[in-house]
Amino acid sequence: MGCCSGRCTLIFLCTFQLMVALERQVFDFLGYQWAPILANFFHILVVILGLFGTIQYRPRYIVVYTVWTALWVAWNVFLICFYLDVGGLSKDSDLLTFNISAHHSWWSEHGPGCVRREIPASGDRSADTQSYISIMGCLLEYQYIEVLHSSFQILISLLGFVYACYVISVITEEEDSFDFIGGFEPFPLYHVNEKPSHLLLKPVPQSS
């Protein structure tokens, strides 16, 4: 097939994209980031659909994957703006948790080199005592880890978008050419003309 190289590359990209999405889903679950959890869930479903469509030569499924890839890029751009406090957004808000909890990115307390310390608000250590959590010694701030995650997702998605468009165009061209030469004709191009049955039963005249 003409798109073998592009198709094989797209299969590899979808598989890699699926693995990266699963890894990201785990960390978003640990941080109770409900909006990214839902987005990752739909992303995983569509990537599986695109992978199936690529393997089974289903261009419509690949089209769905292509449209979602563009939306996925936009979502990750939004996340980058969110964690970098661009355009009035604030990484300290509860927007990604739908304002139902005060959880933040899992990396905010478990980043590379981070040391988590709980400091009681008062000397009374009762059950109702509020504790202040201090994070120190982080080699890389959590917002930059999230930005790197989103940037990597954008890079993979752009590659998948390009190869998906290429595979769709080649599959469509090959289907059109196959239909043009009669590949989908319900009857063969050449018919064998048979003599009518009444000619076969006509008696032969006898010579006198």
N, C-alpha and C. Protein backbone atom coordinates (compact mmCIF):
# COMPACT_ATOMS: atom_id res chain seq x y z
N MET A 1 0.85 -1.21 0.00
CA MET A 1 0.00 0.00 0.00
C MET A 1 0.87 1.24 0.00
N GLY A 2 0.39 2.29 -0.71
CA GLY A 2 1.20 3.48 -0.85
C GLY A 2 1.46 4.20 0.44
N CYS A 3 0.52 4.10 1.42
CA CYS A 3 0.69 4.85 2.66
C CYS A 3 1.25 3.98 3.77
N CYS A 4 1.97 2.91 3.39
CA CYS A 4 2.45 1.97 4.41
C CYS A 4 3.33 2.66 5.43
N SER A 5 4.30 3.46 4.94
CA SER A 5 5.21 4.12 5.86
C SER A 5 4.48 5.12 6.76
N GLY A 6 3.60 5.93 6.17
CA GLY A 6 2.82 6.89 6.96
C GLY A 6 1.87 6.19 7.90
N ARG A 7 1.26 5.10 7.46
CA ARG A 7 0.33 4.35 8.30
C ARG A 7 1.05 3.71 9.46
N CYS A 8 2.20 3.12 9.21
CA CYS A 8 2.97 2.50 10.29
C CYS A 8 3.43 3.55 11.30
N THR A 9 3.81 4.71 10.80
CA THR A 9 4.22 5.80 11.70
C THR A 9 3.05 6.26 12.55
N LEU A 10 1.86 6.35 11.94
CA LEU A 10 0.69 6.78 12.69
C LEU A 10 0.31 5.74 13.75
N ILE A 11 0.45 4.46 13.44
CA ILE A 11 0.19 3.42 14.43
C ILE A 11 1.14 3.56 15.61
N PHE A 12 2.41 3.82 15.31
CA PHE A 12 3.39 4.00 16.39
C PHE A 12 3.06 5.24 17.22
N LEU A 13 2.68 6.34 16.56
CA LEU A 13 2.36 7.57 17.29
C LEU A 13 1.13 7.38 18.17
N CYS A 14 0.11 6.69 17.66
CA CYS A 14 -1.10 6.46 18.46
C CYS A 14 -0.78 5.58 19.67
N THR A 15 0.05 4.56 19.46
CA THR A 15 0.42 3.69 20.58
C THR A 15 1.20 4.46 21.63
N PHE A 16 2.15 5.27 21.19
CA PHE A 16 2.94 6.07 22.13
C PHE A 16 2.08 7.11 22.82
N GLN A 17 1.15 7.70 22.06
CA GLN A 17 0.24 8.69 22.61
C GLN A 17 -0.64 8.06 23.70
N LEU A 18 -1.05 6.83 23.46
CA LEU A 18 -1.88 6.13 24.44
C LEU A 18 -1.11 5.88 25.73
N MET A 19 0.14 5.49 25.62
CA MET A 19 0.95 5.24 26.80
C MET A 19 1.18 6.53 27.60
N VAL A 20 1.47 7.62 26.90
CA VAL A 20 1.71 8.90 27.58
C VAL A 20 0.43 9.40 28.24
N ALA A 21 -0.72 9.20 27.58
CA ALA A 21 -1.99 9.63 28.16
C ALA A 21 -2.32 8.84 29.42
N LEU A 22 -2.04 7.54 29.42
CA LEU A 22 -2.27 6.73 30.61
C LEU A 22 -1.38 7.17 31.77
N GLU A 23 -0.11 7.51 31.45
CA GLU A 23 0.80 8.00 32.49
C GLU A 23 0.29 9.31 33.07
N ARG A 24 -0.19 10.18 32.23
CA ARG A 24 -0.69 11.47 32.70
C ARG A 24 -1.98 11.29 33.51
N GLN A 25 -2.80 10.34 33.09
CA GLN A 25 -4.04 10.08 33.82
C GLN A 25 -3.76 9.63 35.25
N VAL A 26 -2.73 8.83 35.44
CA VAL A 26 -2.39 8.36 36.78
C VAL A 26 -2.06 9.52 37.70
N PHE A 27 -1.22 10.44 37.24
CA PHE A 27 -0.81 11.57 38.08
C PHE A 27 -1.95 12.56 38.30
N ASP A 28 -2.85 12.70 37.31
CA ASP A 28 -4.00 13.57 37.51
C ASP A 28 -4.97 12.97 38.53
N PHE A 29 -5.09 11.64 38.54
CA PHE A 29 -5.91 10.98 39.55
C PHE A 29 -5.31 11.17 40.94
N LEU A 30 -4.01 11.11 41.04
CA LEU A 30 -3.36 11.30 42.34
C LEU A 30 -3.57 12.71 42.86
N GLY A 31 -3.69 13.67 41.96
CA GLY A 31 -3.91 15.06 42.37
C GLY A 31 -5.35 15.48 42.40
N TYR A 32 -6.28 14.54 42.10
CA TYR A 32 -7.71 14.83 42.08
C TYR A 32 -8.03 16.00 41.15
N GLN A 33 -7.38 16.02 39.99
CA GLN A 33 -7.64 17.06 39.00
C GLN A 33 -8.76 16.57 38.09
N TRP A 34 -10.02 16.91 38.43
CA TRP A 34 -11.16 16.30 37.77
C TRP A 34 -11.29 16.70 36.31
N ALA A 35 -11.06 17.95 35.96
CA ALA A 35 -11.16 18.38 34.57
C ALA A 35 -10.13 17.67 33.68
N PRO A 36 -8.85 17.63 34.07
CA PRO A 36 -7.89 16.87 33.26
C PRO A 36 -8.20 15.37 33.22
N ILE A 37 -8.78 14.83 34.30
CA ILE A 37 -9.13 13.41 34.30
C ILE A 37 -10.17 13.10 33.22
N LEU A 38 -11.21 13.94 33.13
CA LEU A 38 -12.22 13.76 32.09
C LEU A 38 -11.63 13.95 30.69
N ALA A 39 -10.80 14.98 30.53
CA ALA A 39 -10.17 15.22 29.23
C ALA A 39 -9.28 14.06 28.82
N ASN A 40 -8.50 13.54 29.77
CA ASN A 40 -7.63 12.40 29.47
C ASN A 40 -8.45 11.16 29.11
N PHE A 41 -9.59 10.98 29.77
CA PHE A 41 -10.43 9.82 29.49
C PHE A 41 -10.93 9.85 28.05
N PHE A 42 -11.47 10.99 27.61
CA PHE A 42 -11.93 11.11 26.23
C PHE A 42 -10.76 11.00 25.25
N HIS A 43 -9.61 11.53 25.64
CA HIS A 43 -8.44 11.44 24.78
C HIS A 43 -8.02 9.99 24.56
N ILE A 44 -8.03 9.21 25.62
CA ILE A 44 -7.66 7.80 25.51
C ILE A 44 -8.63 7.05 24.59
N LEU A 45 -9.93 7.34 24.73
CA LEU A 45 -10.93 6.69 23.87
C LEU A 45 -10.72 7.03 22.40
N VAL A 46 -10.49 8.30 22.11
CA VAL A 46 -10.34 8.72 20.72
C VAL A 46 -9.04 8.19 20.12
N VAL A 47 -7.97 8.14 20.91
CA VAL A 47 -6.71 7.60 20.41
C VAL A 47 -6.87 6.11 20.07
N ILE A 48 -7.59 5.38 20.92
CA ILE A 48 -7.87 3.97 20.62
C ILE A 48 -8.69 3.85 19.34
N LEU A 49 -9.68 4.74 19.16
CA LEU A 49 -10.47 4.75 17.94
C LEU A 49 -9.61 5.05 16.72
N GLY A 50 -8.71 6.03 16.84
CA GLY A 50 -7.82 6.35 15.73
C GLY A 50 -6.87 5.22 15.42
N LEU A 51 -6.38 4.53 16.45
CA LEU A 51 -5.50 3.39 16.24
C LEU A 51 -6.24 2.26 15.52
N PHE A 52 -7.47 2.00 15.93
CA PHE A 52 -8.28 0.97 15.27
C PHE A 52 -8.55 1.34 13.82
N GLY A 53 -8.89 2.62 13.58
CA GLY A 53 -9.16 3.06 12.22
C GLY A 53 -7.94 2.97 11.33
N THR A 54 -6.77 3.23 11.89
CA THR A 54 -5.54 3.14 11.09
C THR A 54 -5.22 1.69 10.73
N ILE A 55 -5.40 0.80 11.69
CA ILE A 55 -5.11 -0.62 11.44
C ILE A 55 -6.11 -1.22 10.46
N GLN A 56 -7.39 -0.85 10.59
CA GLN A 56 -8.45 -1.43 9.78
C GLN A 56 -8.79 -0.62 8.52
N TYR A 57 -7.99 0.39 8.19
CA TYR A 57 -8.22 1.21 7.00
C TYR A 57 -9.62 1.85 7.04
N ARG A 58 -9.95 2.48 8.18
CA ARG A 58 -11.23 3.18 8.33
C ARG A 58 -10.96 4.69 8.40
N PRO A 59 -11.03 5.39 7.27
CA PRO A 59 -10.69 6.82 7.28
C PRO A 59 -11.62 7.66 8.14
N ARG A 60 -12.88 7.24 8.31
CA ARG A 60 -13.79 8.04 9.13
C ARG A 60 -13.34 8.08 10.58
N TYR A 61 -12.83 6.97 11.08
CA TYR A 61 -12.33 6.95 12.45
C TYR A 61 -11.09 7.83 12.58
N ILE A 62 -10.27 7.83 11.54
CA ILE A 62 -9.07 8.66 11.57
C ILE A 62 -9.44 10.13 11.52
N VAL A 63 -10.53 10.46 10.82
CA VAL A 63 -11.00 11.85 10.77
C VAL A 63 -11.43 12.30 12.17
N VAL A 64 -12.14 11.43 12.90
CA VAL A 64 -12.52 11.75 14.28
C VAL A 64 -11.28 11.99 15.13
N TYR A 65 -10.28 11.14 14.95
CA TYR A 65 -9.02 11.31 15.69
C TYR A 65 -8.35 12.63 15.34
N THR A 66 -8.39 13.00 14.07
CA THR A 66 -7.76 14.24 13.62
C THR A 66 -8.44 15.47 14.24
N VAL A 67 -9.77 15.47 14.24
CA VAL A 67 -10.50 16.60 14.82
C VAL A 67 -10.22 16.70 16.32
N TRP A 68 -10.23 15.55 17.00
CA TRP A 68 -9.96 15.57 18.43
C TRP A 68 -8.53 16.02 18.72
N THR A 69 -7.59 15.66 17.87
CA THR A 69 -6.20 16.06 18.07
C THR A 69 -6.07 17.57 18.09
N ALA A 70 -6.80 18.25 17.20
CA ALA A 70 -6.77 19.72 17.19
C ALA A 70 -7.35 20.27 18.50
N LEU A 71 -8.44 19.67 18.99
CA LEU A 71 -9.01 20.10 20.26
C LEU A 71 -8.07 19.80 21.43
N TRP A 72 -7.36 18.68 21.34
CA TRP A 72 -6.41 18.30 22.39
C TRP A 72 -5.25 19.29 22.46
N VAL A 73 -4.80 19.76 21.32
CA VAL A 73 -3.75 20.78 21.30
C VAL A 73 -4.24 22.05 21.98
N ALA A 74 -5.47 22.45 21.67
CA ALA A 74 -6.04 23.65 22.29
C ALA A 74 -6.16 23.49 23.81
N TRP A 75 -6.56 22.29 24.25
CA TRP A 75 -6.69 22.04 25.69
C TRP A 75 -5.33 22.15 26.39
N ASN A 76 -4.31 21.62 25.78
CA ASN A 76 -2.98 21.67 26.40
C ASN A 76 -2.41 23.09 26.37
N VAL A 77 -2.75 23.87 25.37
CA VAL A 77 -2.36 25.28 25.36
C VAL A 77 -3.02 26.00 26.54
N PHE A 78 -4.30 25.66 26.79
CA PHE A 78 -4.99 26.24 27.93
C PHE A 78 -4.30 25.87 29.24
N LEU A 79 -3.89 24.60 29.38
CA LEU A 79 -3.20 24.18 30.60
C LEU A 79 -1.88 24.92 30.79
N ILE A 80 -1.17 25.15 29.71
CA ILE A 80 0.09 25.90 29.81
C ILE A 80 -0.19 27.32 30.30
N CYS A 81 -1.22 27.95 29.73
CA CYS A 81 -1.58 29.30 30.18
C CYS A 81 -2.04 29.29 31.63
N PHE A 82 -2.73 28.23 32.04
CA PHE A 82 -3.23 28.13 33.41
C PHE A 82 -2.08 28.06 34.40
N TYR A 83 -1.11 27.21 34.14
CA TYR A 83 -0.02 27.02 35.09
C TYR A 83 1.01 28.15 35.04
N LEU A 84 1.00 28.92 33.96
CA LEU A 84 1.91 30.07 33.87
C LEU A 84 1.20 31.38 34.21
N ASP A 85 -0.05 31.30 34.66
CA ASP A 85 -0.83 32.48 35.07
C ASP A 85 -0.95 33.49 33.93
N VAL A 86 -1.29 32.99 32.75
CA VAL A 86 -1.42 33.86 31.57
C VAL A 86 -2.90 34.20 31.36
N GLY A 87 -3.17 35.44 31.00
CA GLY A 87 -4.52 35.85 30.65
C GLY A 87 -5.50 35.85 31.81
N GLY A 88 -5.06 36.20 32.97
CA GLY A 88 -5.96 36.25 34.11
C GLY A 88 -6.17 34.92 34.80
N LEU A 89 -5.58 33.85 34.29
CA LEU A 89 -5.69 32.54 34.93
C LEU A 89 -4.72 32.45 36.10
N SER A 90 -5.05 31.60 37.06
CA SER A 90 -4.20 31.43 38.23
C SER A 90 -4.07 29.96 38.57
N LYS A 91 -2.84 29.50 38.69
CA LYS A 91 -2.61 28.09 39.04
C LYS A 91 -3.04 27.77 40.46
N ASP A 92 -3.27 28.78 41.28
CA ASP A 92 -3.72 28.55 42.66
C ASP A 92 -5.23 28.43 42.78
N SER A 93 -5.95 28.62 41.68
CA SER A 93 -7.41 28.50 41.73
C SER A 93 -7.81 27.02 41.68
N ASP A 94 -9.09 26.78 41.96
CA ASP A 94 -9.63 25.42 41.95
C ASP A 94 -10.38 25.14 40.67
N LEU A 95 -9.97 25.77 39.58
CA LEU A 95 -10.68 25.63 38.31
C LEU A 95 -10.63 24.20 37.78
N LEU A 96 -9.48 23.54 37.90
CA LEU A 96 -9.32 22.19 37.35
C LEU A 96 -10.01 21.13 38.20
N THR A 97 -10.43 21.50 39.40
CA THR A 97 -11.16 20.56 40.25
C THR A 97 -12.65 20.93 40.31
N PHE A 98 -13.10 21.79 39.39
CA PHE A 98 -14.50 22.23 39.32
C PHE A 98 -14.95 22.92 40.61
N ASN A 99 -13.99 23.49 41.33
CA ASN A 99 -14.27 24.22 42.57
C ASN A 99 -14.97 23.36 43.64
N ILE A 100 -14.78 22.06 43.58
CA ILE A 100 -15.37 21.18 44.59
C ILE A 100 -14.33 20.69 45.59
N SER A 101 -13.07 21.00 45.36
CA SER A 101 -12.01 20.62 46.30
C SER A 101 -10.85 21.59 46.13
N ALA A 102 -9.96 21.57 47.11
CA ALA A 102 -8.80 22.48 47.09
C ALA A 102 -7.53 21.75 46.68
N HIS A 103 -7.68 20.64 45.99
CA HIS A 103 -6.51 19.88 45.57
C HIS A 103 -5.80 20.59 44.41
N HIS A 104 -4.52 20.34 44.32
CA HIS A 104 -3.71 20.89 43.24
C HIS A 104 -2.89 19.77 42.60
N SER A 105 -2.05 20.13 41.70
CA SER A 105 -1.25 19.14 40.99
C SER A 105 -0.48 18.25 41.97
N TRP A 106 -0.43 16.96 41.66
CA TRP A 106 0.30 16.02 42.51
C TRP A 106 1.77 16.39 42.62
N TRP A 107 2.29 17.03 41.57
CA TRP A 107 3.70 17.40 41.55
C TRP A 107 4.01 18.55 42.51
N SER A 108 2.99 19.24 42.99
CA SER A 108 3.25 20.36 43.90
C SER A 108 3.85 19.90 45.22
N GLU A 109 3.60 18.65 45.60
CA GLU A 109 4.15 18.12 46.85
C GLU A 109 5.10 16.96 46.64
N HIS A 110 5.14 16.42 45.43
CA HIS A 110 5.97 15.23 45.18
C HIS A 110 6.91 15.42 44.00
N GLY A 111 7.26 16.65 43.72
CA GLY A 111 8.19 16.91 42.63
C GLY A 111 9.59 16.44 42.96
N PRO A 112 10.48 16.47 41.99
CA PRO A 112 11.87 16.03 42.23
C PRO A 112 12.57 16.90 43.27
N GLY A 113 13.02 16.27 44.36
CA GLY A 113 13.74 16.97 45.41
C GLY A 113 12.87 17.66 46.44
N CYS A 114 11.54 17.60 46.29
CA CYS A 114 10.65 18.30 47.21
C CYS A 114 10.61 17.60 48.57
N VAL A 115 10.64 18.40 49.63
CA VAL A 115 10.52 17.91 51.01
C VAL A 115 9.24 18.48 51.59
N ARG A 116 8.34 17.61 52.02
CA ARG A 116 7.03 18.03 52.53
C ARG A 116 7.05 18.02 54.06
N ARG A 117 6.69 19.14 54.64
CA ARG A 117 6.65 19.26 56.10
C ARG A 117 5.31 19.85 56.52
N GLU A 118 4.71 19.26 57.54
CA GLU A 118 3.46 19.75 58.11
C GLU A 118 3.77 20.50 59.39
N ILE A 119 3.40 21.76 59.45
CA ILE A 119 3.66 22.62 60.61
C ILE A 119 2.33 22.94 61.27
N PRO A 120 2.10 22.49 62.50
CA PRO A 120 0.82 22.79 63.17
C PRO A 120 0.63 24.28 63.34
N ALA A 121 -0.62 24.71 63.24
CA ALA A 121 -0.94 26.13 63.38
C ALA A 121 -0.81 26.60 64.82
N SER A 122 -0.95 25.70 65.78
CA SER A 122 -0.82 26.06 67.19
C SER A 122 -0.23 24.88 67.94
N GLY A 123 0.00 25.08 69.22
CA GLY A 123 0.58 24.01 70.00
C GLY A 123 -0.41 22.92 70.34
N ASP A 124 -1.72 23.19 70.23
CA ASP A 124 -2.74 22.20 70.53
C ASP A 124 -2.85 21.21 69.37
N ARG A 125 -2.59 19.96 69.60
CA ARG A 125 -2.61 18.96 68.54
C ARG A 125 -3.91 18.15 68.58
N SER A 126 -5.01 18.82 68.68
CA SER A 126 -6.31 18.15 68.65
C SER A 126 -6.67 17.75 67.23
N ALA A 127 -7.79 17.04 67.13
CA ALA A 127 -8.19 16.55 65.81
C ALA A 127 -8.59 17.70 64.88
N ASP A 128 -9.03 18.82 65.46
CA ASP A 128 -9.48 19.94 64.63
C ASP A 128 -8.36 20.91 64.27
N THR A 129 -7.13 20.60 64.67
CA THR A 129 -6.03 21.52 64.42
C THR A 129 -5.69 21.56 62.93
N GLN A 130 -5.60 22.74 62.38
CA GLN A 130 -5.20 22.94 61.00
C GLN A 130 -3.68 22.94 60.91
N SER A 131 -3.14 22.29 59.88
CA SER A 131 -1.70 22.22 59.69
C SER A 131 -1.32 22.94 58.42
N TYR A 132 -0.20 23.60 58.46
CA TYR A 132 0.34 24.29 57.29
C TYR A 132 1.38 23.39 56.64
N ILE A 133 1.21 23.12 55.36
CA ILE A 133 2.13 22.24 54.64
C ILE A 133 3.18 23.09 53.96
N SER A 134 4.43 22.83 54.30
CA SER A 134 5.55 23.55 53.71
C SER A 134 6.30 22.64 52.74
N ILE A 135 6.51 23.12 51.53
CA ILE A 135 7.24 22.37 50.50
C ILE A 135 8.55 23.09 50.24
N MET A 136 9.64 22.37 50.42
CA MET A 136 10.96 22.99 50.27
C MET A 136 11.87 22.11 49.42
N GLY A 137 12.88 22.75 48.85
CA GLY A 137 13.94 22.03 48.16
C GLY A 137 13.60 21.46 46.81
N CYS A 138 12.52 21.89 46.17
CA CYS A 138 12.13 21.35 44.86
C CYS A 138 13.15 21.75 43.79
N LEU A 139 13.63 20.77 43.05
CA LEU A 139 14.56 21.06 41.96
C LEU A 139 13.85 21.73 40.78
N LEU A 140 12.56 21.43 40.62
CA LEU A 140 11.78 22.02 39.53
C LEU A 140 10.36 22.25 40.05
N GLU A 141 9.87 23.47 39.95
CA GLU A 141 8.55 23.80 40.44
C GLU A 141 7.48 23.01 39.67
N TYR A 142 6.40 22.70 40.36
CA TYR A 142 5.39 21.81 39.79
C TYR A 142 4.74 22.38 38.54
N GLN A 143 4.59 23.70 38.48
CA GLN A 143 3.94 24.29 37.31
C GLN A 143 4.76 24.07 36.05
N TYR A 144 6.08 24.06 36.19
CA TYR A 144 6.92 23.82 35.03
C TYR A 144 6.89 22.35 34.61
N ILE A 145 6.70 21.45 35.57
CA ILE A 145 6.53 20.04 35.21
C ILE A 145 5.25 19.85 34.42
N GLU A 146 4.17 20.51 34.86
CA GLU A 146 2.91 20.43 34.13
C GLU A 146 3.03 21.06 32.75
N VAL A 147 3.76 22.15 32.65
CA VAL A 147 3.96 22.79 31.35
C VAL A 147 4.74 21.87 30.41
N LEU A 148 5.75 21.19 30.95
CA LEU A 148 6.50 20.23 30.13
C LEU A 148 5.61 19.09 29.66
N HIS A 149 4.75 18.61 30.56
CA HIS A 149 3.81 17.56 30.18
C HIS A 149 2.93 18.01 29.02
N SER A 150 2.36 19.19 29.14
CA SER A 150 1.46 19.70 28.11
C SER A 150 2.21 19.98 26.80
N SER A 151 3.42 20.50 26.89
CA SER A 151 4.21 20.77 25.69
C SER A 151 4.52 19.48 24.95
N PHE A 152 4.83 18.43 25.70
CA PHE A 152 5.12 17.13 25.07
C PHE A 152 3.86 16.57 24.41
N GLN A 153 2.72 16.75 25.05
CA GLN A 153 1.46 16.31 24.46
C GLN A 153 1.18 17.07 23.16
N ILE A 154 1.45 18.35 23.14
CA ILE A 154 1.23 19.14 21.92
C ILE A 154 2.13 18.66 20.79
N LEU A 155 3.39 18.37 21.10
CA LEU A 155 4.32 17.91 20.07
C LEU A 155 3.85 16.59 19.46
N ILE A 156 3.48 15.64 20.30
CA ILE A 156 3.02 14.35 19.78
C ILE A 156 1.72 14.52 18.99
N SER A 157 0.82 15.36 19.48
CA SER A 157 -0.46 15.57 18.81
C SER A 157 -0.28 16.21 17.44
N LEU A 158 0.64 17.15 17.32
CA LEU A 158 0.88 17.78 16.02
C LEU A 158 1.43 16.77 15.02
N LEU A 159 2.33 15.91 15.47
CA LEU A 159 2.84 14.86 14.59
C LEU A 159 1.72 13.90 14.18
N GLY A 160 0.88 13.53 15.15
CA GLY A 160 -0.24 12.66 14.84
C GLY A 160 -1.22 13.30 13.88
N PHE A 161 -1.45 14.60 14.03
CA PHE A 161 -2.36 15.32 13.14
C PHE A 161 -1.84 15.30 11.71
N VAL A 162 -0.56 15.56 11.52
CA VAL A 162 0.03 15.60 10.19
C VAL A 162 -0.04 14.24 9.52
N TYR A 163 0.37 13.19 10.24
CA TYR A 163 0.37 11.85 9.66
C TYR A 163 -1.05 11.34 9.44
N ALA A 164 -1.98 11.72 10.30
CA ALA A 164 -3.38 11.31 10.12
C ALA A 164 -3.95 11.92 8.85
N CYS A 165 -3.68 13.20 8.61
CA CYS A 165 -4.15 13.84 7.38
C CYS A 165 -3.55 13.17 6.15
N TYR A 166 -2.27 12.81 6.24
CA TYR A 166 -1.61 12.14 5.11
C TYR A 166 -2.23 10.77 4.85
N VAL A 167 -2.44 10.00 5.90
CA VAL A 167 -3.01 8.65 5.73
C VAL A 167 -4.43 8.74 5.20
N ILE A 168 -5.22 9.70 5.67
CA ILE A 168 -6.59 9.86 5.17
C ILE A 168 -6.58 10.16 3.68
N SER A 169 -5.71 11.06 3.25
CA SER A 169 -5.66 11.43 1.83
C SER A 169 -5.25 10.26 0.95
N VAL A 170 -4.28 9.49 1.40
CA VAL A 170 -3.82 8.36 0.59
C VAL A 170 -4.86 7.26 0.53
N ILE A 171 -5.48 6.94 1.67
CA ILE A 171 -6.52 5.90 1.67
C ILE A 171 -7.68 6.31 0.79
N THR A 172 -8.08 7.58 0.86
CA THR A 172 -9.19 8.06 0.04
C THR A 172 -8.86 7.98 -1.44
N GLU A 173 -7.64 8.36 -1.81
CA GLU A 173 -7.23 8.28 -3.22
C GLU A 173 -7.22 6.84 -3.70
N GLU A 174 -6.75 5.93 -2.90
CA GLU A 174 -6.70 4.53 -3.32
C GLU A 174 -8.10 3.94 -3.43
N GLU A 175 -9.01 4.34 -2.53
CA GLU A 175 -10.39 3.86 -2.64
C GLU A 175 -11.05 4.39 -3.90
N ASP A 176 -10.78 5.66 -4.24
CA ASP A 176 -11.36 6.25 -5.45
C ASP A 176 -10.82 5.56 -6.70
N SER A 177 -9.52 5.29 -6.73
CA SER A 177 -8.93 4.63 -7.89
C SER A 177 -9.43 3.21 -8.01
N PHE A 178 -9.62 2.52 -6.90
CA PHE A 178 -10.12 1.16 -6.92
C PHE A 178 -11.55 1.11 -7.43
N ASP A 179 -12.35 2.11 -7.04
CA ASP A 179 -13.72 2.19 -7.51
C ASP A 179 -13.77 2.53 -8.99
N PHE A 180 -12.81 3.35 -9.46
CA PHE A 180 -12.79 3.78 -10.86
C PHE A 180 -12.51 2.62 -11.81
N ILE A 181 -11.66 1.68 -11.40
CA ILE A 181 -11.32 0.55 -12.28
C ILE A 181 -12.31 -0.59 -12.14
N GLY A 182 -13.36 -0.40 -11.35
CA GLY A 182 -14.40 -1.41 -11.26
C GLY A 182 -14.28 -2.33 -10.08
N GLY A 183 -13.51 -1.93 -9.08
CA GLY A 183 -13.32 -2.80 -7.94
C GLY A 183 -14.58 -3.01 -7.14
N PHE A 184 -15.49 -2.06 -7.21
CA PHE A 184 -16.71 -2.18 -6.44
C PHE A 184 -17.93 -2.43 -7.35
N GLU A 185 -17.70 -2.79 -8.63
CA GLU A 185 -18.80 -3.05 -9.54
C GLU A 185 -19.53 -4.32 -9.12
N PRO A 186 -20.86 -4.31 -9.08
CA PRO A 186 -21.58 -5.52 -8.68
C PRO A 186 -21.55 -6.60 -9.73
N PHE A 187 -21.25 -6.24 -11.02
CA PHE A 187 -21.19 -7.21 -12.09
C PHE A 187 -19.84 -7.11 -12.77
N PRO A 188 -19.37 -8.19 -13.37
CA PRO A 188 -18.08 -8.14 -14.07
C PRO A 188 -18.16 -7.24 -15.29
N LEU A 189 -16.99 -6.77 -15.73
CA LEU A 189 -16.95 -5.88 -16.88
C LEU A 189 -17.28 -6.60 -18.17
N TYR A 190 -16.93 -7.87 -18.24
CA TYR A 190 -17.16 -8.64 -19.45
C TYR A 190 -18.18 -9.73 -19.16
N HIS A 191 -19.15 -9.88 -20.07
CA HIS A 191 -20.21 -10.89 -19.92
C HIS A 191 -20.07 -11.88 -21.07
N VAL A 192 -20.32 -13.11 -20.75
CA VAL A 192 -20.29 -14.16 -21.78
C VAL A 192 -21.69 -14.28 -22.37
N ASN A 193 -21.78 -14.03 -23.65
CA ASN A 193 -23.07 -14.10 -24.33
C ASN A 193 -23.42 -15.56 -24.57
N GLU A 194 -24.53 -15.97 -24.01
CA GLU A 194 -24.98 -17.35 -24.20
C GLU A 194 -26.11 -17.36 -25.23
N LYS A 195 -26.17 -18.44 -26.00
CA LYS A 195 -27.24 -18.57 -26.98
C LYS A 195 -28.55 -18.85 -26.28
N PRO A 196 -29.63 -18.30 -26.80
CA PRO A 196 -30.93 -18.60 -26.19
C PRO A 196 -31.24 -20.08 -26.25
N SER A 197 -32.01 -20.52 -25.28
CA SER A 197 -32.30 -21.95 -25.18
C SER A 197 -33.14 -22.44 -26.36
N HIS A 198 -33.98 -21.54 -26.95
CA HIS A 198 -34.83 -22.00 -28.05
C HIS A 198 -34.01 -22.29 -29.29
N LEU A 199 -32.82 -21.65 -29.42
CA LEU A 199 -31.96 -21.96 -30.55
C LEU A 199 -31.33 -23.33 -30.40
N LEU A 200 -31.06 -23.70 -29.18
CA LEU A 200 -30.44 -25.01 -28.94
C LEU A 200 -31.46 -26.13 -29.22
N LEU A 201 -32.74 -25.86 -29.05
CA LEU A 201 -33.76 -26.91 -29.22
C LEU A 201 -34.34 -26.93 -30.63
N LYS A 202 -33.88 -26.04 -31.54
CA LYS A 202 -34.42 -26.00 -32.91
C LYS A 202 -34.01 -27.24 -33.69
N PRO A 203 -34.96 -27.96 -34.29
CA PRO A 203 -34.60 -29.20 -35.03
C PRO A 203 -33.82 -28.90 -36.30
N VAL A 204 -32.93 -29.81 -36.64
CA VAL A 204 -32.10 -29.67 -37.85
C VAL A 204 -32.86 -30.23 -39.03
N PRO A 205 -33.03 -29.48 -40.13
CA PRO A 205 -33.77 -29.98 -41.30
C PRO A 205 -33.03 -31.14 -41.99
N GLN A 206 -33.79 -32.19 -42.42
CA GLN A 206 -33.21 -33.36 -43.07
C GLN A 206 -33.11 -33.13 -44.57
N SER A 207 -32.02 -33.55 -45.17
CA SER A 207 -31.83 -33.42 -46.62
C SER A 207 -32.48 -34.61 -47.32
N SER A 208 -33.12 -34.38 -48.49
CA SER A 208 -33.79 -35.42 -49.23
C SER A 208 -32.81 -36.15 -50.15
